[in-house]
Amino acid sequence: MENLSEKQRRDIIVQFYKEHSVGSKSYTVDHFIGKKMKKSTLYDILRRYVRRKTTERIKESGRIAHKLPVSKRRRVRQASNDKKGVIHRKLVAKFSVSRSYIGKVLGNQKVKYFKRQKCSDSTPEQQT
């Protein structure tokens, strides 16, 4: 099963489901779990077949990726490199991308984060 393409795998699962329609979805899932396939994947394929009567996936139906061009990635780095207390949320608002993507960009560019140090309320001389 691991050598097959995604489309071939979906077709085989649906064909088995049609031939053994006396059983339920769980019968089909149990059969293919023995062939080292994930349960959630199997149920997704069967649900898609029951709803739309096809195994084809809808093109461009996923989440739209908001990526930054190289020039904006440089600006993100300049905005946060060697500076204290730069908050990801502010960068998210400025560049209109997700917080996790900002973290990924900064991590890939090896930006060092400096955490603000807490200042004591009084000096040791004042305490005495």
N, C-alpha and C. Protein backbone atom coordinates (compact mmCIF):
# COMPACT_ATOMS: atom_id res chain seq x y z
N MET A 1 0.82 -1.21 0.00
CA MET A 1 0.00 0.00 0.00
C MET A 1 0.86 1.27 0.00
N GLU A 2 2.07 1.20 0.56
CA GLU A 2 2.89 2.41 0.66
C GLU A 2 3.48 2.83 -0.68
N ASN A 3 3.53 1.92 -1.68
CA ASN A 3 4.08 2.25 -2.98
C ASN A 3 3.06 2.89 -3.92
N LEU A 4 1.80 2.91 -3.53
CA LEU A 4 0.74 3.45 -4.37
C LEU A 4 0.65 4.96 -4.24
N SER A 5 0.12 5.58 -5.28
CA SER A 5 -0.11 7.02 -5.20
C SER A 5 -1.34 7.27 -4.32
N GLU A 6 -1.53 8.53 -3.97
CA GLU A 6 -2.64 8.88 -3.10
C GLU A 6 -3.99 8.57 -3.75
N LYS A 7 -4.11 8.87 -5.03
CA LYS A 7 -5.36 8.61 -5.74
C LYS A 7 -5.65 7.11 -5.83
N GLN A 8 -4.62 6.30 -6.14
CA GLN A 8 -4.82 4.85 -6.21
C GLN A 8 -5.24 4.28 -4.87
N ARG A 9 -4.64 4.78 -3.82
CA ARG A 9 -4.97 4.32 -2.47
C ARG A 9 -6.43 4.63 -2.15
N ARG A 10 -6.87 5.85 -2.47
CA ARG A 10 -8.27 6.22 -2.23
C ARG A 10 -9.21 5.32 -3.01
N ASP A 11 -8.88 5.05 -4.28
CA ASP A 11 -9.74 4.22 -5.11
C ASP A 11 -9.85 2.79 -4.57
N ILE A 12 -8.74 2.24 -4.07
CA ILE A 12 -8.76 0.89 -3.52
C ILE A 12 -9.64 0.82 -2.28
N ILE A 13 -9.53 1.84 -1.43
CA ILE A 13 -10.33 1.86 -0.19
C ILE A 13 -11.82 1.94 -0.51
N VAL A 14 -12.19 2.80 -1.46
CA VAL A 14 -13.60 2.97 -1.82
C VAL A 14 -14.11 1.71 -2.51
N GLN A 15 -13.30 1.09 -3.36
CA GLN A 15 -13.71 -0.15 -4.03
C GLN A 15 -14.00 -1.25 -3.01
N PHE A 16 -13.14 -1.37 -2.00
CA PHE A 16 -13.35 -2.35 -0.94
C PHE A 16 -14.63 -2.03 -0.18
N TYR A 17 -14.87 -0.75 0.08
CA TYR A 17 -16.08 -0.33 0.81
C TYR A 17 -17.34 -0.68 0.02
N LYS A 18 -17.30 -0.49 -1.31
CA LYS A 18 -18.46 -0.82 -2.15
C LYS A 18 -18.71 -2.33 -2.17
N GLU A 19 -17.65 -3.11 -2.32
CA GLU A 19 -17.80 -4.56 -2.40
C GLU A 19 -18.29 -5.16 -1.08
N HIS A 20 -17.92 -4.56 0.03
CA HIS A 20 -18.30 -5.08 1.34
C HIS A 20 -19.27 -4.12 2.03
N SER A 21 -20.26 -3.67 1.27
CA SER A 21 -21.20 -2.68 1.81
C SER A 21 -22.13 -3.28 2.86
N VAL A 22 -22.16 -4.62 2.98
CA VAL A 22 -22.97 -5.25 4.02
C VAL A 22 -22.44 -4.83 5.38
N GLY A 23 -21.11 -4.76 5.48
CA GLY A 23 -20.50 -4.27 6.72
C GLY A 23 -20.59 -2.76 6.78
N SER A 24 -20.09 -2.20 7.83
CA SER A 24 -20.14 -0.76 7.98
C SER A 24 -18.78 -0.15 7.62
N LYS A 25 -18.66 1.13 7.84
CA LYS A 25 -17.37 1.79 7.62
C LYS A 25 -16.30 1.19 8.50
N SER A 26 -16.69 0.82 9.71
CA SER A 26 -15.70 0.29 10.64
C SER A 26 -15.10 -1.02 10.14
N TYR A 27 -15.87 -1.81 9.38
CA TYR A 27 -15.34 -3.05 8.81
C TYR A 27 -14.21 -2.72 7.82
N THR A 28 -14.45 -1.73 6.98
CA THR A 28 -13.43 -1.30 6.02
C THR A 28 -12.22 -0.73 6.73
N VAL A 29 -12.45 0.09 7.73
CA VAL A 29 -11.35 0.72 8.47
C VAL A 29 -10.51 -0.34 9.17
N ASP A 30 -11.16 -1.31 9.80
CA ASP A 30 -10.42 -2.38 10.48
C ASP A 30 -9.56 -3.18 9.50
N HIS A 31 -10.08 -3.38 8.30
CA HIS A 31 -9.32 -4.12 7.29
C HIS A 31 -8.04 -3.38 6.90
N PHE A 32 -8.14 -2.06 6.70
CA PHE A 32 -6.99 -1.29 6.23
C PHE A 32 -6.06 -0.85 7.36
N ILE A 33 -6.53 -0.86 8.59
CA ILE A 33 -5.64 -0.57 9.72
C ILE A 33 -4.58 -1.67 9.82
N GLY A 34 -4.97 -2.90 9.48
CA GLY A 34 -4.02 -4.00 9.45
C GLY A 34 -2.93 -3.80 8.41
N LYS A 35 -3.19 -2.92 7.44
CA LYS A 35 -2.19 -2.62 6.40
C LYS A 35 -1.45 -1.32 6.69
N LYS A 36 -1.44 -0.95 7.96
CA LYS A 36 -0.68 0.20 8.46
C LYS A 36 -1.12 1.54 7.85
N MET A 37 -2.43 1.77 7.85
CA MET A 37 -2.96 3.07 7.44
C MET A 37 -3.63 3.71 8.65
N LYS A 38 -3.63 5.02 8.67
CA LYS A 38 -4.19 5.73 9.81
C LYS A 38 -5.71 5.72 9.76
N LYS A 39 -6.29 5.60 10.94
CA LYS A 39 -7.74 5.53 11.06
C LYS A 39 -8.41 6.82 10.58
N SER A 40 -7.85 7.96 10.96
CA SER A 40 -8.47 9.23 10.59
C SER A 40 -8.45 9.43 9.07
N THR A 41 -7.38 8.99 8.42
CA THR A 41 -7.29 9.09 6.97
C THR A 41 -8.36 8.23 6.30
N LEU A 42 -8.53 7.03 6.81
CA LEU A 42 -9.54 6.13 6.24
C LEU A 42 -10.95 6.70 6.39
N TYR A 43 -11.26 7.20 7.57
CA TYR A 43 -12.59 7.78 7.78
C TYR A 43 -12.79 9.03 6.93
N ASP A 44 -11.75 9.83 6.72
CA ASP A 44 -11.86 11.00 5.86
C ASP A 44 -12.18 10.61 4.41
N ILE A 45 -11.50 9.58 3.92
CA ILE A 45 -11.73 9.12 2.55
C ILE A 45 -13.15 8.60 2.40
N LEU A 46 -13.60 7.80 3.36
CA LEU A 46 -14.96 7.26 3.29
C LEU A 46 -16.02 8.34 3.42
N ARG A 47 -15.78 9.31 4.30
CA ARG A 47 -16.74 10.41 4.46
C ARG A 47 -16.85 11.22 3.17
N ARG A 48 -15.72 11.47 2.53
CA ARG A 48 -15.71 12.21 1.26
C ARG A 48 -16.48 11.45 0.19
N TYR A 49 -16.32 10.13 0.17
CA TYR A 49 -17.03 9.32 -0.83
C TYR A 49 -18.53 9.33 -0.57
N VAL A 50 -18.94 9.18 0.69
CA VAL A 50 -20.37 9.13 1.01
C VAL A 50 -21.04 10.47 0.69
N ARG A 51 -20.38 11.56 0.96
CA ARG A 51 -20.97 12.89 0.73
C ARG A 51 -21.04 13.25 -0.76
N ARG A 52 -19.94 13.00 -1.49
CA ARG A 52 -19.86 13.51 -2.86
C ARG A 52 -19.87 12.42 -3.93
N LYS A 53 -19.87 11.15 -3.53
CA LYS A 53 -19.88 10.02 -4.46
C LYS A 53 -18.67 10.02 -5.39
N THR A 54 -17.56 10.55 -4.93
CA THR A 54 -16.32 10.53 -5.69
C THR A 54 -15.14 10.52 -4.73
N THR A 55 -14.01 10.06 -5.24
CA THR A 55 -12.80 10.06 -4.41
C THR A 55 -11.90 11.23 -4.75
N GLU A 56 -12.28 12.02 -5.75
CA GLU A 56 -11.46 13.16 -6.17
C GLU A 56 -11.48 14.25 -5.11
N ARG A 57 -10.38 14.92 -4.97
CA ARG A 57 -10.29 16.04 -4.04
C ARG A 57 -10.59 17.33 -4.79
N ILE A 58 -11.14 18.30 -4.11
CA ILE A 58 -11.45 19.59 -4.72
C ILE A 58 -10.16 20.40 -4.77
N LYS A 59 -9.84 20.92 -5.95
CA LYS A 59 -8.62 21.70 -6.09
C LYS A 59 -8.78 23.06 -5.42
N GLU A 60 -7.68 23.54 -4.86
CA GLU A 60 -7.60 24.86 -4.23
C GLU A 60 -8.64 25.05 -3.13
N SER A 61 -8.91 23.99 -2.38
CA SER A 61 -9.92 24.10 -1.33
C SER A 61 -9.29 24.26 0.05
N GLY A 62 -7.97 24.29 0.12
CA GLY A 62 -7.31 24.38 1.42
C GLY A 62 -7.12 25.80 1.89
N ARG A 63 -6.40 25.91 2.96
CA ARG A 63 -6.12 27.21 3.55
C ARG A 63 -5.12 27.97 2.68
N ILE A 64 -5.33 29.25 2.52
CA ILE A 64 -4.44 30.09 1.73
C ILE A 64 -3.22 30.43 2.57
N ALA A 65 -2.05 30.23 2.00
CA ALA A 65 -0.81 30.51 2.71
C ALA A 65 -0.45 31.98 2.54
N HIS A 66 -0.21 32.67 3.65
CA HIS A 66 0.24 34.05 3.61
C HIS A 66 1.73 34.05 3.90
N LYS A 67 2.53 34.17 2.85
CA LYS A 67 3.97 34.13 3.01
C LYS A 67 4.55 35.50 2.70
N LEU A 68 5.69 35.74 3.31
CA LEU A 68 6.36 37.02 3.10
C LEU A 68 7.42 36.90 2.02
N PRO A 69 7.53 37.90 1.16
CA PRO A 69 8.64 37.91 0.22
C PRO A 69 9.95 38.17 0.96
N VAL A 70 11.06 37.96 0.29
CA VAL A 70 12.37 38.08 0.91
C VAL A 70 12.59 39.48 1.49
N SER A 71 12.13 40.49 0.79
CA SER A 71 12.34 41.86 1.26
C SER A 71 11.63 42.11 2.59
N LYS A 72 10.41 41.57 2.74
CA LYS A 72 9.69 41.76 4.00
C LYS A 72 10.28 40.91 5.11
N ARG A 73 10.84 39.73 4.76
CA ARG A 73 11.51 38.91 5.77
C ARG A 73 12.71 39.66 6.34
N ARG A 74 13.42 40.37 5.48
CA ARG A 74 14.54 41.19 5.96
C ARG A 74 14.05 42.27 6.91
N ARG A 75 12.90 42.87 6.58
CA ARG A 75 12.35 43.91 7.46
C ARG A 75 11.93 43.34 8.81
N VAL A 76 11.40 42.12 8.81
CA VAL A 76 11.05 41.47 10.08
C VAL A 76 12.30 41.27 10.91
N ARG A 77 13.37 40.82 10.26
CA ARG A 77 14.62 40.61 10.98
C ARG A 77 15.17 41.92 11.53
N GLN A 78 15.13 42.98 10.73
CA GLN A 78 15.64 44.27 11.19
C GLN A 78 14.81 44.81 12.35
N ALA A 79 13.51 44.51 12.33
CA ALA A 79 12.63 45.02 13.38
C ALA A 79 12.85 44.33 14.71
N SER A 80 13.45 43.14 14.70
CA SER A 80 13.56 42.40 15.94
C SER A 80 14.97 41.93 16.30
N ASN A 81 15.93 42.06 15.42
CA ASN A 81 17.26 41.53 15.70
C ASN A 81 18.01 42.42 16.69
N ASP A 82 18.59 41.78 17.72
CA ASP A 82 19.37 42.46 18.76
C ASP A 82 18.60 43.57 19.47
N LYS A 83 17.30 43.41 19.59
CA LYS A 83 16.48 44.38 20.30
C LYS A 83 15.77 43.67 21.44
N LYS A 84 15.52 44.40 22.49
CA LYS A 84 14.87 43.81 23.66
C LYS A 84 13.36 43.99 23.58
N GLY A 85 12.64 42.94 23.95
CA GLY A 85 11.20 43.03 24.13
C GLY A 85 10.38 43.24 22.88
N VAL A 86 10.83 42.76 21.73
CA VAL A 86 10.00 42.86 20.53
C VAL A 86 8.94 41.77 20.60
N ILE A 87 7.70 42.16 20.53
CA ILE A 87 6.59 41.23 20.73
C ILE A 87 6.11 40.73 19.37
N HIS A 88 5.90 39.43 19.27
CA HIS A 88 5.46 38.84 18.02
C HIS A 88 4.12 39.41 17.58
N ARG A 89 3.25 39.71 18.53
CA ARG A 89 1.92 40.23 18.16
C ARG A 89 2.02 41.55 17.42
N LYS A 90 2.99 42.38 17.80
CA LYS A 90 3.16 43.65 17.10
C LYS A 90 3.66 43.43 15.69
N LEU A 91 4.55 42.46 15.52
CA LEU A 91 5.04 42.14 14.18
C LEU A 91 3.93 41.54 13.32
N VAL A 92 3.05 40.75 13.94
CA VAL A 92 1.92 40.17 13.22
C VAL A 92 1.02 41.27 12.67
N ALA A 93 0.74 42.26 13.49
CA ALA A 93 -0.11 43.36 13.04
C ALA A 93 0.57 44.17 11.94
N LYS A 94 1.85 44.32 12.05
CA LYS A 94 2.59 45.13 11.09
C LYS A 94 2.72 44.44 9.73
N PHE A 95 2.93 43.11 9.73
CA PHE A 95 3.18 42.40 8.48
C PHE A 95 2.01 41.53 8.01
N SER A 96 0.93 41.46 8.75
CA SER A 96 -0.30 40.73 8.38
C SER A 96 -0.06 39.25 8.07
N VAL A 97 0.63 38.57 8.95
CA VAL A 97 0.82 37.12 8.85
C VAL A 97 0.55 36.53 10.23
N SER A 98 0.55 35.21 10.32
CA SER A 98 0.24 34.57 11.60
C SER A 98 1.43 34.65 12.55
N ARG A 99 1.15 34.48 13.84
CA ARG A 99 2.18 34.55 14.86
C ARG A 99 3.17 33.40 14.72
N SER A 100 2.66 32.23 14.36
CA SER A 100 3.55 31.09 14.20
C SER A 100 4.50 31.29 13.01
N TYR A 101 4.01 31.96 11.96
CA TYR A 101 4.86 32.21 10.80
C TYR A 101 5.96 33.22 11.14
N ILE A 102 5.64 34.23 11.95
CA ILE A 102 6.66 35.18 12.39
C ILE A 102 7.74 34.43 13.17
N GLY A 103 7.33 33.53 14.06
CA GLY A 103 8.30 32.75 14.82
C GLY A 103 9.16 31.88 13.92
N LYS A 104 8.55 31.32 12.87
CA LYS A 104 9.29 30.49 11.94
C LYS A 104 10.30 31.31 11.15
N VAL A 105 9.90 32.50 10.72
CA VAL A 105 10.80 33.37 9.96
C VAL A 105 11.99 33.78 10.83
N LEU A 106 11.70 34.17 12.06
CA LEU A 106 12.79 34.59 12.96
C LEU A 106 13.70 33.41 13.31
N GLY A 107 13.12 32.24 13.46
CA GLY A 107 13.93 31.06 13.77
C GLY A 107 14.83 30.67 12.62
N ASN A 108 14.31 30.75 11.39
CA ASN A 108 15.12 30.40 10.21
C ASN A 108 16.27 31.38 10.01
N GLN A 109 16.06 32.64 10.41
CA GLN A 109 17.10 33.64 10.22
C GLN A 109 18.01 33.75 11.44
N LYS A 110 17.81 32.88 12.42
CA LYS A 110 18.64 32.80 13.62
C LYS A 110 18.73 34.13 14.36
N VAL A 111 17.58 34.74 14.56
CA VAL A 111 17.50 35.98 15.30
C VAL A 111 17.54 35.66 16.78
N LYS A 112 18.38 36.36 17.50
CA LYS A 112 18.52 36.12 18.93
C LYS A 112 17.52 37.01 19.67
N TYR A 113 16.77 36.41 20.58
CA TYR A 113 15.76 37.14 21.33
C TYR A 113 16.32 37.52 22.69
N PHE A 114 16.19 38.76 23.01
CA PHE A 114 16.63 39.25 24.32
C PHE A 114 15.40 39.54 25.15
N LYS A 115 15.28 38.86 26.28
CA LYS A 115 14.15 39.09 27.16
C LYS A 115 14.48 40.28 28.06
N ARG A 116 13.48 41.08 28.32
CA ARG A 116 13.69 42.23 29.20
C ARG A 116 14.03 41.75 30.60
N GLN A 117 15.01 42.36 31.20
CA GLN A 117 15.40 42.03 32.56
C GLN A 117 14.56 42.84 33.53
N LYS A 118 14.11 42.20 34.59
CA LYS A 118 13.34 42.94 35.59
C LYS A 118 14.30 43.75 36.44
N CYS A 119 13.90 44.95 36.68
CA CYS A 119 14.72 45.86 37.48
C CYS A 119 14.24 45.77 38.93
N SER A 120 15.17 45.71 39.85
CA SER A 120 14.77 45.63 41.25
C SER A 120 14.21 46.98 41.70
N ASP A 121 13.35 46.94 42.70
CA ASP A 121 12.72 48.16 43.19
C ASP A 121 13.71 49.06 43.92
N SER A 122 14.69 48.46 44.56
CA SER A 122 15.65 49.26 45.29
C SER A 122 17.03 48.64 45.16
N THR A 123 18.04 49.45 45.35
CA THR A 123 19.41 48.96 45.27
C THR A 123 19.80 48.37 46.61
N PRO A 124 20.84 47.55 46.68
CA PRO A 124 21.27 46.99 47.97
C PRO A 124 21.66 48.07 48.97
N GLU A 125 22.15 49.22 48.50
CA GLU A 125 22.52 50.31 49.41
C GLU A 125 21.30 50.91 50.08
N GLN A 126 20.20 50.99 49.34
CA GLN A 126 18.98 51.56 49.88
C GLN A 126 18.33 50.64 50.90
N GLN A 127 18.55 49.35 50.76
CA GLN A 127 17.92 48.39 51.67
C GLN A 127 18.53 48.44 53.07
N THR A 128 19.78 48.88 53.20
CA THR A 128 20.42 48.90 54.50
C THR A 128 20.13 50.16 55.26
